[in-house]
Amino acid sequence: MANSLICSQTQSRVSSVLNRDVKQFGKKFMFDNNEETCWNSDQGECQWVLLDFPGSVQVSE
C-alpha cells in the first residue's frame, strides 16, 4: 500500500457542501481516516476537489 500524499500542510477546496452543513459534511472529513464520516456535496453536474500540496508530488494509479 502506498503512502498518503495528504499531510497537515496540504490545503483543500471543494465545489460545495451538502446543505452548507460543514459541521456534518465538510471537506475536513475527506481525509480524517474515519469510516463513519465523509465529505458530501450538493447536487449538481460539476463537483470538484482541489488539493494544493506543499511540494511536488507524482500522482499515479
PDB file of N, CA and C in Angstrom:
ATOM      1  N   MET A   1       0.843  -1.179   0.000  1.00  0.00           N
ATOM      2  CA  MET A   1       0.000   0.000   0.000  1.00  0.00           C
ATOM      3  C   MET A   1       0.890   1.244   0.000  1.00  0.00           C
ATOM      4  N   ALA A   2       0.572   2.208  -0.810  1.00  0.00           N
ATOM      5  CA  ALA A   2       1.371   3.423  -0.943  1.00  0.00           C
ATOM      6  C   ALA A   2       1.112   4.380   0.217  1.00  0.00           C
ATOM      7  N   ASN A   3       2.069   5.242   0.469  1.00  0.00           N
ATOM      8  CA  ASN A   3       1.899   6.272   1.481  1.00  0.00           C
ATOM      9  C   ASN A   3       0.950   7.339   0.967  1.00  0.00           C
ATOM     10  N   SER A   4       0.240   7.989   1.872  1.00  0.00           N
ATOM     11  CA  SER A   4      -0.685   9.052   1.502  1.00  0.00           C
ATOM     12  C   SER A   4       0.085  10.306   1.097  1.00  0.00           C
ATOM     13  N   LEU A   5      -0.428  11.025   0.111  1.00  0.00           N
ATOM     14  CA  LEU A   5       0.144  12.311  -0.292  1.00  0.00           C
ATOM     15  C   LEU A   5      -0.400  13.448   0.563  1.00  0.00           C
ATOM     16  N   ILE A   6      -1.437  13.164   1.340  1.00  0.00           N
ATOM     17  CA  ILE A   6      -2.084  14.177   2.165  1.00  0.00           C
ATOM     18  C   ILE A   6      -1.309  14.329   3.475  1.00  0.00           C
ATOM     19  N   CYS A   7      -0.941  15.567   3.800  1.00  0.00           N
ATOM     20  CA  CYS A   7      -0.256  15.848   5.059  1.00  0.00           C
ATOM     21  C   CYS A   7      -0.897  17.082   5.691  1.00  0.00           C
ATOM     22  N   SER A   8      -0.424  17.477   6.845  1.00  0.00           N
ATOM     23  CA  SER A   8      -1.036  18.608   7.548  1.00  0.00           C
ATOM     24  C   SER A   8      -0.902  19.923   6.779  1.00  0.00           C
ATOM     25  N   GLN A   9       0.078  20.024   5.867  1.00  0.00           N
ATOM     26  CA  GLN A   9       0.247  21.247   5.078  1.00  0.00           C
ATOM     27  C   GLN A   9      -0.552  21.231   3.772  1.00  0.00           C
ATOM     28  N   THR A  10      -1.172  20.104   3.425  1.00  0.00           N
ATOM     29  CA  THR A  10      -1.979  20.025   2.207  1.00  0.00           C
ATOM     30  C   THR A  10      -3.249  20.835   2.401  1.00  0.00           C
ATOM     31  N   GLN A  11      -3.523  21.735   1.470  1.00  0.00           N
ATOM     32  CA  GLN A  11      -4.740  22.541   1.533  1.00  0.00           C
ATOM     33  C   GLN A  11      -5.742  21.984   0.540  1.00  0.00           C
ATOM     34  N   SER A  12      -7.025  22.055   0.902  1.00  0.00           N
ATOM     35  CA  SER A  12      -8.061  21.530   0.012  1.00  0.00           C
ATOM     36  C   SER A  12      -9.207  22.520  -0.123  1.00  0.00           C
ATOM     37  N   ARG A  13      -9.862  22.445  -1.279  1.00  0.00           N
ATOM     38  CA  ARG A  13     -11.082  23.213  -1.558  1.00  0.00           C
ATOM     39  C   ARG A  13     -12.053  22.260  -2.224  1.00  0.00           C
ATOM     40  N   VAL A  14     -13.336  22.503  -2.029  1.00  0.00           N
ATOM     41  CA  VAL A  14     -14.366  21.665  -2.642  1.00  0.00           C
ATOM     42  C   VAL A  14     -15.414  22.548  -3.302  1.00  0.00           C
ATOM     43  N   SER A  15     -16.124  21.974  -4.260  1.00  0.00           N
ATOM     44  CA  SER A  15     -17.117  22.729  -5.017  1.00  0.00           C
ATOM     45  C   SER A  15     -18.292  23.164  -4.158  1.00  0.00           C
ATOM     46  N   SER A  16     -18.721  22.319  -3.231  1.00  0.00           N
ATOM     47  CA  SER A  16     -19.867  22.630  -2.381  1.00  0.00           C
ATOM     48  C   SER A  16     -19.918  21.644  -1.224  1.00  0.00           C
ATOM     49  N   VAL A  17     -20.777  21.941  -0.262  1.00  0.00           N
ATOM     50  CA  VAL A  17     -21.020  21.046   0.871  1.00  0.00           C
ATOM     51  C   VAL A  17     -22.530  20.877   0.989  1.00  0.00           C
ATOM     52  N   LEU A  18     -22.966  19.645   1.183  1.00  0.00           N
ATOM     53  CA  LEU A  18     -24.395  19.330   1.241  1.00  0.00           C
ATOM     54  C   LEU A  18     -25.110  20.225   2.246  1.00  0.00           C
ATOM     55  N   ASN A  19     -26.116  20.939   1.762  1.00  0.00           N
ATOM     56  CA  ASN A  19     -26.927  21.847   2.586  1.00  0.00           C
ATOM     57  C   ASN A  19     -26.089  22.854   3.377  1.00  0.00           C
ATOM     58  N   ARG A  20     -24.870  23.122   2.902  1.00  0.00           N
ATOM     59  CA  ARG A  20     -23.930  24.038   3.571  1.00  0.00           C
ATOM     60  C   ARG A  20     -23.660  23.627   5.020  1.00  0.00           C
ATOM     61  N   ASP A  21     -23.802  22.346   5.300  1.00  0.00           N
ATOM     62  CA  ASP A  21     -23.629  21.800   6.647  1.00  0.00           C
ATOM     63  C   ASP A  21     -22.186  21.323   6.827  1.00  0.00           C
ATOM     64  N   VAL A  22     -21.265  22.273   7.023  1.00  0.00           N
ATOM     65  CA  VAL A  22     -19.848  21.911   7.131  1.00  0.00           C
ATOM     66  C   VAL A  22     -19.532  21.143   8.413  1.00  0.00           C
ATOM     67  N   LYS A  23     -20.357  21.285   9.441  1.00  0.00           N
ATOM     68  CA  LYS A  23     -20.125  20.547  10.691  1.00  0.00           C
ATOM     69  C   LYS A  23     -20.330  19.054  10.507  1.00  0.00           C
ATOM     70  N   GLN A  24     -21.230  18.669   9.588  1.00  0.00           N
ATOM     71  CA  GLN A  24     -21.506  17.252   9.372  1.00  0.00           C
ATOM     72  C   GLN A  24     -20.875  16.709   8.092  1.00  0.00           C
ATOM     73  N   PHE A  25     -20.769  17.540   7.036  1.00  0.00           N
ATOM     74  CA  PHE A  25     -20.321  17.057   5.729  1.00  0.00           C
ATOM     75  C   PHE A  25     -19.148  17.842   5.145  1.00  0.00           C
ATOM     76  N   GLY A  26     -18.437  18.625   5.935  1.00  0.00           N
ATOM     77  CA  GLY A  26     -17.369  19.487   5.435  1.00  0.00           C
ATOM     78  C   GLY A  26     -16.168  18.739   4.878  1.00  0.00           C
ATOM     79  N   LYS A  27     -15.328  19.477   4.159  1.00  0.00           N
ATOM     80  CA  LYS A  27     -14.161  18.890   3.488  1.00  0.00           C
ATOM     81  C   LYS A  27     -13.182  18.242   4.454  1.00  0.00           C
ATOM     82  N   LYS A  28     -13.172  18.675   5.713  1.00  0.00           N
ATOM     83  CA  LYS A  28     -12.241  18.097   6.693  1.00  0.00           C
ATOM     84  C   LYS A  28     -12.476  16.606   6.895  1.00  0.00           C
ATOM     85  N   PHE A  29     -13.662  16.117   6.546  1.00  0.00           N
ATOM     86  CA  PHE A  29     -13.991  14.706   6.738  1.00  0.00           C
ATOM     87  C   PHE A  29     -13.511  13.814   5.595  1.00  0.00           C
ATOM     88  N   MET A  30     -12.972  14.396   4.523  1.00  0.00           N
ATOM     89  CA  MET A  30     -12.453  13.592   3.415  1.00  0.00           C
ATOM     90  C   MET A  30     -11.239  12.774   3.819  1.00  0.00           C
ATOM     91  N   PHE A  31     -10.403  13.335   4.656  1.00  0.00           N
ATOM     92  CA  PHE A  31      -9.115  12.716   4.968  1.00  0.00           C
ATOM     93  C   PHE A  31      -8.915  12.482   6.463  1.00  0.00           C
ATOM     94  N   ASP A  32     -10.001  12.261   7.208  1.00  0.00           N
ATOM     95  CA  ASP A  32      -9.868  12.094   8.659  1.00  0.00           C
ATOM     96  C   ASP A  32      -9.677  10.638   9.090  1.00  0.00           C
ATOM     97  N   ASN A  33      -9.566   9.718   8.118  1.00  0.00           N
ATOM     98  CA  ASN A  33      -9.357   8.287   8.401  1.00  0.00           C
ATOM     99  C   ASN A  33     -10.445   7.682   9.278  1.00  0.00           C
ATOM    100  N   ASN A  34     -11.658   8.220   9.179  1.00  0.00           N
ATOM    101  CA  ASN A  34     -12.793   7.702   9.938  1.00  0.00           C
ATOM    102  C   ASN A  34     -13.846   7.223   8.943  1.00  0.00           C
ATOM    103  N   GLU A  35     -14.144   5.942   8.945  1.00  0.00           N
ATOM    104  CA  GLU A  35     -15.117   5.389   8.002  1.00  0.00           C
ATOM    105  C   GLU A  35     -16.542   5.845   8.290  1.00  0.00           C
ATOM    106  N   GLU A  36     -16.784   6.460   9.432  1.00  0.00           N
ATOM    107  CA  GLU A  36     -18.121   6.928   9.802  1.00  0.00           C
ATOM    108  C   GLU A  36     -18.412   8.336   9.276  1.00  0.00           C
ATOM    109  N   THR A  37     -17.402   9.028   8.736  1.00  0.00           N
ATOM    110  CA  THR A  37     -17.596  10.395   8.255  1.00  0.00           C
ATOM    111  C   THR A  37     -17.230  10.492   6.777  1.00  0.00           C
ATOM    112  N   CYS A  38     -17.703  11.562   6.130  1.00  0.00           N
ATOM    113  CA  CYS A  38     -17.362  11.792   4.722  1.00  0.00           C
ATOM    114  C   CYS A  38     -17.683  13.229   4.341  1.00  0.00           C
ATOM    115  N   TRP A  39     -17.040  13.693   3.271  1.00  0.00           N
ATOM    116  CA  TRP A  39     -17.446  14.943   2.644  1.00  0.00           C
ATOM    117  C   TRP A  39     -18.617  14.605   1.746  1.00  0.00           C
ATOM    118  N   ASN A  40     -19.604  15.466   1.687  1.00  0.00           N
ATOM    119  CA  ASN A  40     -20.745  15.261   0.810  1.00  0.00           C
ATOM    120  C   ASN A  40     -21.069  16.585   0.152  1.00  0.00           C
ATOM    121  N   SER A  41     -21.268  16.567  -1.159  1.00  0.00           N
ATOM    122  CA  SER A  41     -21.501  17.801  -1.906  1.00  0.00           C
ATOM    123  C   SER A  41     -22.981  17.986  -2.195  1.00  0.00           C
ATOM    124  N   ASP A  42     -23.338  19.225  -2.527  1.00  0.00           N
ATOM    125  CA  ASP A  42     -24.684  19.490  -3.024  1.00  0.00           C
ATOM    126  C   ASP A  42     -24.823  18.867  -4.402  1.00  0.00           C
ATOM    127  N   GLN A  43     -26.062  18.661  -4.825  1.00  0.00           N
ATOM    128  CA  GLN A  43     -26.296  18.115  -6.161  1.00  0.00           C
ATOM    129  C   GLN A  43     -25.869  19.138  -7.204  1.00  0.00           C
ATOM    130  N   GLY A  44     -25.498  18.630  -8.348  1.00  0.00           N
ATOM    131  CA  GLY A  44     -25.080  19.487  -9.442  1.00  0.00           C
ATOM    132  C   GLY A  44     -24.208  18.710 -10.391  1.00  0.00           C
ATOM    133  N   GLU A  45     -24.032  19.231 -11.591  1.00  0.00           N
ATOM    134  CA  GLU A  45     -23.281  18.469 -12.585  1.00  0.00           C
ATOM    135  C   GLU A  45     -21.773  18.577 -12.422  1.00  0.00           C
ATOM    136  N   CYS A  46     -21.280  19.636 -11.828  1.00  0.00           N
ATOM    137  CA  CYS A  46     -19.827  19.788 -11.667  1.00  0.00           C
ATOM    138  C   CYS A  46     -19.458  19.807 -10.190  1.00  0.00           C
ATOM    139  N   GLN A  47     -18.953  18.695  -9.711  1.00  0.00           N
ATOM    140  CA  GLN A  47     -18.436  18.614  -8.347  1.00  0.00           C
ATOM    141  C   GLN A  47     -16.928  18.435  -8.459  1.00  0.00           C
ATOM    142  N   TRP A  48     -16.172  19.110  -7.608  1.00  0.00           N
ATOM    143  CA  TRP A  48     -14.725  19.009  -7.719  1.00  0.00           C
ATOM    144  C   TRP A  48     -14.055  19.119  -6.351  1.00  0.00           C
ATOM    145  N   VAL A  49     -12.841  18.625  -6.312  1.00  0.00           N
ATOM    146  CA  VAL A  49     -11.963  18.721  -5.146  1.00  0.00           C
ATOM    147  C   VAL A  49     -10.625  19.245  -5.652  1.00  0.00           C
ATOM    148  N   LEU A  50     -10.102  20.276  -5.025  1.00  0.00           N
ATOM    149  CA  LEU A  50      -8.810  20.850  -5.381  1.00  0.00           C
ATOM    150  C   LEU A  50      -7.854  20.626  -4.214  1.00  0.00           C
ATOM    151  N   LEU A  51      -6.711  20.032  -4.504  1.00  0.00           N
ATOM    152  CA  LEU A  51      -5.687  19.797  -3.485  1.00  0.00           C
ATOM    153  C   LEU A  51      -4.445  20.602  -3.832  1.00  0.00           C
ATOM    154  N   ASP A  52      -3.932  21.340  -2.868  1.00  0.00           N
ATOM    155  CA  ASP A  52      -2.713  22.130  -3.035  1.00  0.00           C
ATOM    156  C   ASP A  52      -1.656  21.524  -2.114  1.00  0.00           C
ATOM    157  N   PHE A  53      -0.709  20.801  -2.711  1.00  0.00           N
ATOM    158  CA  PHE A  53       0.334  20.125  -1.947  1.00  0.00           C
ATOM    159  C   PHE A  53       1.469  21.092  -1.627  1.00  0.00           C
ATOM    160  N   PRO A  54       2.149  20.913  -0.493  1.00  0.00           N
ATOM    161  CA  PRO A  54       3.230  21.821  -0.113  1.00  0.00           C
ATOM    162  C   PRO A  54       4.491  21.663  -0.959  1.00  0.00           C
ATOM    163  N   GLY A  55       4.561  20.612  -1.744  1.00  0.00           N
ATOM    164  CA  GLY A  55       5.720  20.375  -2.601  1.00  0.00           C
ATOM    165  C   GLY A  55       5.306  19.589  -3.824  1.00  0.00           C
ATOM    166  N   SER A  56       6.266  19.235  -4.638  1.00  0.00           N
ATOM    167  CA  SER A  56       5.988  18.452  -5.841  1.00  0.00           C
ATOM    168  C   SER A  56       5.566  17.039  -5.463  1.00  0.00           C
ATOM    169  N   VAL A  57       4.565  16.522  -6.172  1.00  0.00           N
ATOM    170  CA  VAL A  57       4.109  15.148  -5.962  1.00  0.00           C
ATOM    171  C   VAL A  57       3.933  14.483  -7.314  1.00  0.00           C
ATOM    172  N   GLN A  58       4.003  13.167  -7.336  1.00  0.00           N
ATOM    173  CA  GLN A  58       3.738  12.404  -8.546  1.00  0.00           C
ATOM    174  C   GLN A  58       2.536  11.517  -8.255  1.00  0.00           C
ATOM    175  N   VAL A  59       1.454  11.746  -8.985  1.00  0.00           N
ATOM    176  CA  VAL A  59       0.216  11.003  -8.782  1.00  0.00           C
ATOM    177  C   VAL A  59       0.114   9.924  -9.847  1.00  0.00           C
ATOM    178  N   SER A  60      -0.231   8.714  -9.437  1.00  0.00           N
ATOM    179  CA  SER A  60      -0.418   7.612 -10.385  1.00  0.00           C
ATOM    180  C   SER A  60      -1.490   6.682  -9.846  1.00  0.00           C
ATOM    181  N   GLU A  61      -1.953   5.781 -10.709  1.00  0.00           N
ATOM    182  CA  GLU A  61      -2.961   4.807 -10.282  1.00  0.00           C
ATOM    183  C   GLU A  61      -2.329   3.715  -9.477  1.00  0.00           C
TER     184      GLU A  61
END
